[in-house]
């Protein structure tokens, strides 16, 4: 049986129709965690339209992981502006993963200074990937600075 309380990062497997019915009933009753789990389950079943609807409902109800997952769905659909908006909302709810992913989007979008700011926030929250990327970015900045000094 899936327990929607406290589920934040991963969906659980729904073993049978009865468990799925309980999950759907919880989602339809307005449980944000159940909406997120159900939306993510639908996403993994390749039902993109229904997944997006349930993830958006959970995100609008304040579920930070739903916000982040919805951002990935939007990003994959080419809707970068919507993806950034939902990642910012998730980051505002304290999601270090969202902060990290904002850094990735900004870095690949040609804005390393903004990426650095997001990675600093994520690193301060303990995100190991952000710490790694921040260290790599700082190393590159120092290498470029050192090469410039040698040319002068």
N, C-alpha and C. Protein backbone atom coordinates (compact mmCIF):
# COMPACT_ATOMS: atom_id res chain seq x y z
N UNK A 1 0.84 -1.19 0.00
CA UNK A 1 0.00 0.00 0.00
C UNK A 1 0.88 1.24 0.00
N UNK A 2 0.55 2.21 -0.82
CA UNK A 2 1.28 3.48 -0.85
C UNK A 2 0.81 4.35 0.29
N UNK A 3 1.74 4.95 0.98
CA UNK A 3 1.41 5.90 2.04
C UNK A 3 1.83 7.27 1.54
N UNK A 4 0.88 8.14 1.28
CA UNK A 4 1.22 9.44 0.72
C UNK A 4 1.79 10.40 1.75
N UNK A 5 1.65 10.09 3.03
CA UNK A 5 2.18 11.01 4.03
C UNK A 5 3.69 10.91 4.05
N UNK A 6 4.33 12.04 3.96
CA UNK A 6 5.78 12.08 4.04
C UNK A 6 6.49 11.70 2.76
N UNK A 7 5.79 11.34 1.72
CA UNK A 7 6.44 11.01 0.47
C UNK A 7 6.82 12.31 -0.20
N UNK A 8 8.10 12.47 -0.47
CA UNK A 8 8.54 13.74 -1.04
C UNK A 8 9.35 13.57 -2.30
N UNK A 9 10.12 12.55 -2.45
CA UNK A 9 11.04 12.49 -3.57
C UNK A 9 10.72 11.41 -4.59
N UNK A 10 10.06 10.37 -4.23
CA UNK A 10 9.85 9.26 -5.15
C UNK A 10 8.44 8.73 -5.04
N UNK A 11 7.94 8.29 -6.15
CA UNK A 11 6.65 7.64 -6.10
C UNK A 11 6.85 6.20 -5.68
N UNK A 12 5.81 5.63 -5.15
CA UNK A 12 5.89 4.23 -4.78
C UNK A 12 5.16 3.42 -5.83
N UNK A 13 5.45 2.17 -5.87
CA UNK A 13 4.79 1.29 -6.83
C UNK A 13 3.38 0.99 -6.35
N UNK A 14 2.47 0.99 -7.28
CA UNK A 14 1.10 0.62 -6.97
C UNK A 14 0.94 -0.83 -7.40
N UNK A 15 0.74 -1.69 -6.43
CA UNK A 15 0.78 -3.12 -6.69
C UNK A 15 -0.46 -3.64 -7.40
N UNK A 16 -1.61 -3.08 -7.12
CA UNK A 16 -2.82 -3.63 -7.72
C UNK A 16 -3.88 -2.55 -7.90
N UNK A 17 -5.00 -2.95 -8.48
CA UNK A 17 -6.08 -2.01 -8.76
C UNK A 17 -6.66 -1.40 -7.49
N UNK A 18 -6.69 -2.18 -6.41
CA UNK A 18 -7.24 -1.66 -5.15
C UNK A 18 -6.37 -0.53 -4.61
N UNK A 19 -5.06 -0.73 -4.63
CA UNK A 19 -4.16 0.32 -4.16
C UNK A 19 -4.25 1.56 -5.04
N UNK A 20 -4.36 1.34 -6.33
CA UNK A 20 -4.49 2.47 -7.26
C UNK A 20 -5.78 3.24 -6.96
N UNK A 21 -6.86 2.51 -6.69
CA UNK A 21 -8.14 3.16 -6.38
C UNK A 21 -8.03 4.01 -5.12
N UNK A 22 -7.32 3.51 -4.12
CA UNK A 22 -7.13 4.27 -2.87
C UNK A 22 -6.32 5.52 -3.17
N UNK A 23 -5.27 5.39 -3.97
CA UNK A 23 -4.43 6.54 -4.34
C UNK A 23 -5.25 7.58 -5.10
N UNK A 24 -6.02 7.14 -6.08
CA UNK A 24 -6.83 8.06 -6.86
C UNK A 24 -7.86 8.76 -5.97
N UNK A 25 -8.48 8.02 -5.07
CA UNK A 25 -9.47 8.61 -4.17
C UNK A 25 -8.82 9.69 -3.29
N UNK A 26 -7.61 9.40 -2.80
CA UNK A 26 -6.90 10.39 -1.97
C UNK A 26 -6.55 11.62 -2.80
N UNK A 27 -6.12 11.41 -4.03
CA UNK A 27 -5.79 12.53 -4.91
C UNK A 27 -7.04 13.36 -5.20
N UNK A 28 -8.12 12.68 -5.53
CA UNK A 28 -9.36 13.40 -5.84
C UNK A 28 -9.95 14.13 -4.64
N UNK A 29 -9.61 13.66 -3.43
CA UNK A 29 -10.09 14.33 -2.23
C UNK A 29 -9.26 15.55 -1.87
N UNK A 30 -8.16 15.76 -2.61
CA UNK A 30 -7.38 16.97 -2.41
C UNK A 30 -6.08 16.79 -1.66
N UNK A 31 -5.64 15.57 -1.42
CA UNK A 31 -4.37 15.31 -0.74
C UNK A 31 -3.22 15.64 -1.70
N UNK A 32 -2.44 16.71 -1.43
CA UNK A 32 -1.38 17.11 -2.36
C UNK A 32 -0.33 16.02 -2.60
N UNK A 33 0.03 15.27 -1.57
CA UNK A 33 1.03 14.21 -1.74
C UNK A 33 0.48 13.11 -2.65
N UNK A 34 -0.79 12.77 -2.48
CA UNK A 34 -1.41 11.75 -3.34
C UNK A 34 -1.52 12.26 -4.77
N UNK A 35 -1.84 13.55 -4.94
CA UNK A 35 -1.90 14.12 -6.29
C UNK A 35 -0.54 14.02 -6.96
N UNK A 36 0.51 14.32 -6.19
CA UNK A 36 1.87 14.23 -6.72
C UNK A 36 2.21 12.79 -7.10
N UNK A 37 1.96 11.86 -6.20
CA UNK A 37 2.29 10.46 -6.47
C UNK A 37 1.52 9.96 -7.69
N UNK A 38 0.24 10.29 -7.76
CA UNK A 38 -0.57 9.84 -8.88
C UNK A 38 -0.10 10.48 -10.19
N UNK A 39 0.21 11.77 -10.14
CA UNK A 39 0.72 12.44 -11.34
C UNK A 39 2.03 11.85 -11.81
N UNK A 40 2.92 11.55 -10.87
CA UNK A 40 4.21 10.97 -11.24
C UNK A 40 4.02 9.55 -11.76
N UNK A 41 3.10 8.81 -11.17
CA UNK A 41 2.78 7.46 -11.66
C UNK A 41 2.29 7.54 -13.10
N UNK A 42 1.39 8.46 -13.38
CA UNK A 42 0.88 8.63 -14.74
C UNK A 42 1.99 9.05 -15.70
N UNK A 43 2.90 9.87 -15.22
CA UNK A 43 4.04 10.29 -16.05
C UNK A 43 4.88 9.08 -16.45
N UNK A 44 5.11 8.18 -15.49
CA UNK A 44 5.89 6.97 -15.78
C UNK A 44 5.12 5.99 -16.64
N UNK A 45 3.82 6.13 -16.68
CA UNK A 45 2.99 5.30 -17.56
C UNK A 45 2.79 5.96 -18.92
N UNK A 46 3.47 7.07 -19.15
CA UNK A 46 3.44 7.82 -20.41
C UNK A 46 2.08 8.44 -20.72
N UNK A 47 1.33 8.80 -19.69
CA UNK A 47 0.08 9.54 -19.87
C UNK A 47 0.39 11.00 -19.55
N UNK A 48 1.03 11.67 -20.50
CA UNK A 48 1.57 13.01 -20.27
C UNK A 48 0.49 14.04 -19.92
N UNK A 49 -0.64 13.96 -20.57
CA UNK A 49 -1.68 14.96 -20.34
C UNK A 49 -2.24 14.85 -18.92
N UNK A 50 -2.62 13.64 -18.53
CA UNK A 50 -3.17 13.46 -17.17
C UNK A 50 -2.10 13.70 -16.11
N UNK A 51 -0.88 13.27 -16.39
CA UNK A 51 0.22 13.49 -15.44
C UNK A 51 0.40 14.97 -15.18
N UNK A 52 0.42 15.74 -16.24
CA UNK A 52 0.62 17.19 -16.11
C UNK A 52 -0.51 17.82 -15.30
N UNK A 53 -1.75 17.37 -15.54
CA UNK A 53 -2.88 17.91 -14.79
C UNK A 53 -2.76 17.63 -13.31
N UNK A 54 -2.41 16.39 -12.93
CA UNK A 54 -2.30 16.04 -11.51
C UNK A 54 -1.09 16.71 -10.86
N UNK A 55 0.01 16.78 -11.58
CA UNK A 55 1.18 17.45 -11.03
C UNK A 55 0.91 18.94 -10.83
N UNK A 56 0.19 19.54 -11.76
CA UNK A 56 -0.13 20.96 -11.60
C UNK A 56 -1.06 21.17 -10.41
N UNK A 57 -2.03 20.29 -10.21
CA UNK A 57 -2.92 20.42 -9.05
C UNK A 57 -2.11 20.32 -7.75
N UNK A 58 -1.20 19.35 -7.69
CA UNK A 58 -0.37 19.19 -6.49
C UNK A 58 0.54 20.40 -6.30
N UNK A 59 1.11 20.89 -7.39
CA UNK A 59 1.99 22.06 -7.31
C UNK A 59 1.22 23.29 -6.82
N UNK A 60 0.03 23.48 -7.36
CA UNK A 60 -0.79 24.62 -6.93
C UNK A 60 -1.20 24.50 -5.46
N UNK A 61 -1.24 23.26 -4.97
CA UNK A 61 -1.56 23.03 -3.56
C UNK A 61 -0.34 23.19 -2.66
N UNK A 62 0.82 23.53 -3.26
CA UNK A 62 2.01 23.82 -2.46
C UNK A 62 2.99 22.67 -2.30
N UNK A 63 2.85 21.60 -3.06
CA UNK A 63 3.75 20.45 -2.95
C UNK A 63 5.03 20.73 -3.75
N UNK A 64 6.15 20.94 -3.05
CA UNK A 64 7.39 21.37 -3.69
C UNK A 64 7.93 20.34 -4.68
N UNK A 65 7.84 19.06 -4.36
CA UNK A 65 8.35 18.06 -5.30
C UNK A 65 7.49 17.99 -6.55
N UNK A 66 6.20 18.24 -6.40
CA UNK A 66 5.33 18.30 -7.58
C UNK A 66 5.71 19.50 -8.45
N UNK A 67 6.06 20.60 -7.80
CA UNK A 67 6.49 21.79 -8.55
C UNK A 67 7.72 21.45 -9.39
N UNK A 68 8.67 20.76 -8.78
CA UNK A 68 9.89 20.43 -9.50
C UNK A 68 9.62 19.43 -10.62
N UNK A 69 8.82 18.40 -10.35
CA UNK A 69 8.52 17.41 -11.37
C UNK A 69 7.75 18.06 -12.52
N UNK A 70 6.80 18.93 -12.20
CA UNK A 70 6.07 19.66 -13.23
C UNK A 70 7.04 20.50 -14.06
N UNK A 71 8.02 21.09 -13.42
CA UNK A 71 9.02 21.87 -14.14
C UNK A 71 9.75 21.01 -15.17
N UNK A 72 10.09 19.76 -14.80
CA UNK A 72 10.76 18.87 -15.74
C UNK A 72 9.84 18.50 -16.90
N UNK A 73 8.57 18.28 -16.60
CA UNK A 73 7.60 17.97 -17.65
C UNK A 73 7.51 19.15 -18.63
N UNK A 74 7.45 20.36 -18.08
CA UNK A 74 7.37 21.55 -18.93
C UNK A 74 8.66 21.73 -19.73
N UNK A 75 9.79 21.55 -19.08
CA UNK A 75 11.08 21.68 -19.78
C UNK A 75 11.15 20.70 -20.94
N UNK A 76 10.75 19.45 -20.69
CA UNK A 76 10.80 18.43 -21.74
C UNK A 76 9.84 18.74 -22.88
N UNK A 77 8.80 19.53 -22.59
CA UNK A 77 7.84 19.94 -23.62
C UNK A 77 8.28 21.24 -24.31
N UNK A 78 9.48 21.73 -23.94
CA UNK A 78 9.99 22.95 -24.55
C UNK A 78 9.47 24.23 -23.93
N UNK A 79 8.82 24.12 -22.77
CA UNK A 79 8.25 25.28 -22.10
C UNK A 79 9.19 25.75 -20.98
N UNK A 80 10.33 26.29 -21.37
CA UNK A 80 11.37 26.67 -20.41
C UNK A 80 10.90 27.74 -19.43
N UNK A 81 10.14 28.70 -19.91
CA UNK A 81 9.66 29.77 -19.02
C UNK A 81 8.81 29.20 -17.89
N UNK A 82 7.90 28.30 -18.23
CA UNK A 82 7.07 27.66 -17.21
C UNK A 82 7.90 26.80 -16.28
N UNK A 83 8.90 26.11 -16.84
CA UNK A 83 9.77 25.27 -16.02
C UNK A 83 10.51 26.10 -14.99
N UNK A 84 11.06 27.23 -15.42
CA UNK A 84 11.81 28.11 -14.50
C UNK A 84 10.87 28.64 -13.42
N UNK A 85 9.66 29.02 -13.81
CA UNK A 85 8.70 29.55 -12.84
C UNK A 85 8.44 28.52 -11.73
N UNK A 86 8.19 27.26 -12.13
CA UNK A 86 7.89 26.24 -11.12
C UNK A 86 9.12 25.87 -10.30
N UNK A 87 10.30 25.88 -10.91
CA UNK A 87 11.51 25.62 -10.13
C UNK A 87 11.74 26.74 -9.12
N UNK A 88 11.48 27.98 -9.50
CA UNK A 88 11.62 29.10 -8.56
C UNK A 88 10.65 28.94 -7.39
N UNK A 89 9.43 28.51 -7.68
CA UNK A 89 8.46 28.29 -6.61
C UNK A 89 8.93 27.17 -5.67
N UNK A 90 9.43 26.09 -6.25
CA UNK A 90 9.93 24.98 -5.43
C UNK A 90 11.12 25.44 -4.59
N UNK A 91 12.00 26.23 -5.19
CA UNK A 91 13.14 26.77 -4.45
C UNK A 91 12.66 27.65 -3.31
N UNK A 92 11.61 28.40 -3.55
CA UNK A 92 11.03 29.24 -2.51
C UNK A 92 10.45 28.44 -1.36
N UNK A 93 10.13 27.17 -1.63
CA UNK A 93 9.66 26.26 -0.58
C UNK A 93 10.83 25.49 0.05
N UNK A 94 12.06 25.87 -0.31
CA UNK A 94 13.23 25.28 0.31
C UNK A 94 13.81 24.08 -0.41
N UNK A 95 13.38 23.78 -1.63
CA UNK A 95 13.90 22.62 -2.36
C UNK A 95 15.30 22.89 -2.89
N UNK A 96 16.29 22.24 -2.28
CA UNK A 96 17.66 22.42 -2.74
C UNK A 96 17.84 21.81 -4.13
N UNK A 97 17.06 20.78 -4.47
CA UNK A 97 17.14 20.20 -5.81
C UNK A 97 16.67 21.21 -6.85
N UNK A 98 15.62 21.96 -6.54
CA UNK A 98 15.13 22.98 -7.46
C UNK A 98 16.17 24.08 -7.62
N UNK A 99 16.82 24.46 -6.52
CA UNK A 99 17.87 25.48 -6.59
C UNK A 99 19.00 24.99 -7.49
N UNK A 100 19.40 23.74 -7.30
CA UNK A 100 20.45 23.16 -8.13
C UNK A 100 20.05 23.17 -9.60
N UNK A 101 18.82 22.73 -9.89
CA UNK A 101 18.37 22.65 -11.28
C UNK A 101 18.20 24.02 -11.92
N UNK A 102 17.83 25.02 -11.14
CA UNK A 102 17.82 26.39 -11.68
C UNK A 102 19.23 26.79 -12.11
N UNK A 103 20.21 26.44 -11.29
CA UNK A 103 21.60 26.72 -11.66
C UNK A 103 21.98 26.06 -12.96
N UNK A 104 21.56 24.82 -13.14
CA UNK A 104 21.87 24.09 -14.38
C UNK A 104 21.24 24.80 -15.58
N UNK A 105 19.98 25.16 -15.45
CA UNK A 105 19.29 25.83 -16.56
C UNK A 105 19.98 27.15 -16.90
N UNK A 106 20.30 27.94 -15.89
CA UNK A 106 20.95 29.22 -16.16
C UNK A 106 22.37 29.03 -16.71
N UNK A 107 23.09 28.05 -16.22
CA UNK A 107 24.44 27.80 -16.73
C UNK A 107 24.39 27.45 -18.21
N UNK A 108 23.51 26.52 -18.56
CA UNK A 108 23.41 26.10 -19.96
C UNK A 108 22.75 27.16 -20.83
N UNK A 109 22.08 28.10 -20.20
CA UNK A 109 21.49 29.22 -20.93
C UNK A 109 22.44 30.38 -21.10
N UNK A 110 23.68 30.21 -20.66
CA UNK A 110 24.69 31.25 -20.85
C UNK A 110 24.73 32.30 -19.76
N UNK A 111 24.20 31.99 -18.59
CA UNK A 111 24.20 32.95 -17.48
C UNK A 111 24.90 32.33 -16.26
N UNK A 112 26.23 32.15 -16.35
CA UNK A 112 26.94 31.50 -15.25
C UNK A 112 26.88 32.26 -13.93
N UNK A 113 26.76 33.58 -13.96
CA UNK A 113 26.67 34.35 -12.72
C UNK A 113 25.38 34.02 -11.96
N UNK A 114 24.27 33.89 -12.71
CA UNK A 114 23.01 33.53 -12.07
C UNK A 114 23.05 32.08 -11.62
N UNK A 115 23.67 31.22 -12.44
CA UNK A 115 23.82 29.81 -12.07
C UNK A 115 24.59 29.71 -10.75
N UNK A 116 25.65 30.48 -10.65
CA UNK A 116 26.47 30.46 -9.44
C UNK A 116 25.64 30.83 -8.21
N UNK A 117 24.78 31.85 -8.34
CA UNK A 117 23.94 32.25 -7.21
C UNK A 117 23.03 31.11 -6.76
N UNK A 118 22.40 30.43 -7.73
CA UNK A 118 21.50 29.32 -7.38
C UNK A 118 22.29 28.16 -6.78
N UNK A 119 23.47 27.87 -7.34
CA UNK A 119 24.28 26.78 -6.77
C UNK A 119 24.78 27.13 -5.37
N UNK A 120 25.05 28.40 -5.11
CA UNK A 120 25.45 28.81 -3.76
C UNK A 120 24.30 28.57 -2.77
N UNK A 121 23.08 28.91 -3.17
CA UNK A 121 21.92 28.66 -2.30
C UNK A 121 21.75 27.15 -2.06
N UNK A 122 21.84 26.37 -3.14
CA UNK A 122 21.67 24.92 -3.01
C UNK A 122 22.79 24.31 -2.18
N UNK A 123 24.01 24.78 -2.38
CA UNK A 123 25.15 24.27 -1.61
C UNK A 123 24.98 24.59 -0.13
N UNK A 124 24.50 25.79 0.17
CA UNK A 124 24.27 26.18 1.56
C UNK A 124 23.21 25.28 2.20
N UNK A 125 22.32 24.74 1.37
CA UNK A 125 21.29 23.82 1.88
C UNK A 125 21.78 22.38 1.91
N UNK A 126 23.04 22.15 1.49
CA UNK A 126 23.63 20.82 1.57
C UNK A 126 23.55 19.98 0.31
N UNK A 127 23.21 20.58 -0.81
CA UNK A 127 23.10 19.82 -2.06
C UNK A 127 24.49 19.51 -2.60
N UNK A 128 24.85 18.24 -2.62
CA UNK A 128 26.19 17.80 -3.02
C UNK A 128 26.47 18.14 -4.48
N UNK A 129 25.49 17.95 -5.36
CA UNK A 129 25.70 18.27 -6.77
C UNK A 129 26.00 19.75 -6.96
N UNK A 130 25.33 20.60 -6.21
CA UNK A 130 25.58 22.03 -6.29
C UNK A 130 26.98 22.37 -5.79
N UNK A 131 27.38 21.72 -4.72
CA UNK A 131 28.74 21.93 -4.19
C UNK A 131 29.77 21.57 -5.26
N UNK A 132 29.55 20.44 -5.92
CA UNK A 132 30.46 20.00 -6.99
C UNK A 132 30.49 21.02 -8.13
N UNK A 133 29.30 21.40 -8.63
CA UNK A 133 29.25 22.34 -9.75
C UNK A 133 29.83 23.69 -9.39
N UNK A 134 29.57 24.13 -8.17
CA UNK A 134 30.11 25.40 -7.70
C UNK A 134 31.64 25.34 -7.66
N UNK A 135 32.17 24.24 -7.16
CA UNK A 135 33.62 24.06 -7.11
C UNK A 135 34.23 24.05 -8.51
N UNK A 136 33.57 23.37 -9.44
CA UNK A 136 34.05 23.33 -10.82
C UNK A 136 34.01 24.71 -11.44
N UNK A 137 32.93 25.44 -11.22
CA UNK A 137 32.79 26.79 -11.76
C UNK A 137 33.86 27.72 -11.20
N UNK A 138 34.09 27.65 -9.91
CA UNK A 138 35.11 28.50 -9.28
C UNK A 138 36.49 28.14 -9.82
N UNK A 139 36.74 26.84 -9.99
CA UNK A 139 38.02 26.41 -10.56
C UNK A 139 38.23 26.95 -11.97
N UNK A 140 37.18 26.92 -12.78
CA UNK A 140 37.28 27.46 -14.14
C UNK A 140 37.53 28.97 -14.10
N UNK A 141 36.82 29.66 -13.20
CA UNK A 141 37.01 31.11 -13.10
C UNK A 141 38.44 31.44 -12.71
N UNK A 142 39.00 30.68 -11.80
CA UNK A 142 40.39 30.91 -11.38
C UNK A 142 41.37 30.61 -12.50
N UNK A 143 41.11 29.56 -13.26
CA UNK A 143 41.99 29.21 -14.38
C UNK A 143 41.97 30.30 -15.44
N UNK A 144 40.79 30.83 -15.74
CA UNK A 144 40.68 31.91 -16.72
C UNK A 144 41.36 33.16 -16.19
N UNK A 145 41.16 33.47 -14.92
CA UNK A 145 41.78 34.64 -14.31
C UNK A 145 43.30 34.51 -14.31
N UNK A 146 43.79 33.32 -13.98
CA UNK A 146 45.23 33.10 -13.96
C UNK A 146 45.84 33.19 -15.34
N UNK A 147 45.15 32.68 -16.35
CA UNK A 147 45.64 32.76 -17.72
C UNK A 147 45.67 34.22 -18.18
N UNK A 148 44.69 34.99 -17.79
CA UNK A 148 44.64 36.41 -18.17
C UNK A 148 45.79 37.18 -17.52
N UNK A 149 46.10 36.85 -16.27
CA UNK A 149 47.20 37.52 -15.57
C UNK A 149 48.53 37.21 -16.22
N UNK A 150 48.72 35.99 -16.70
CA UNK A 150 49.99 35.61 -17.34
C UNK A 150 50.18 36.36 -18.66
N UNK A 151 49.07 36.65 -19.35
CA UNK A 151 49.18 37.37 -20.63
C UNK A 151 49.54 38.83 -20.42
N UNK A 152 49.22 39.38 -19.29
CA UNK A 152 49.49 40.79 -19.01
C UNK A 152 50.90 40.97 -18.67
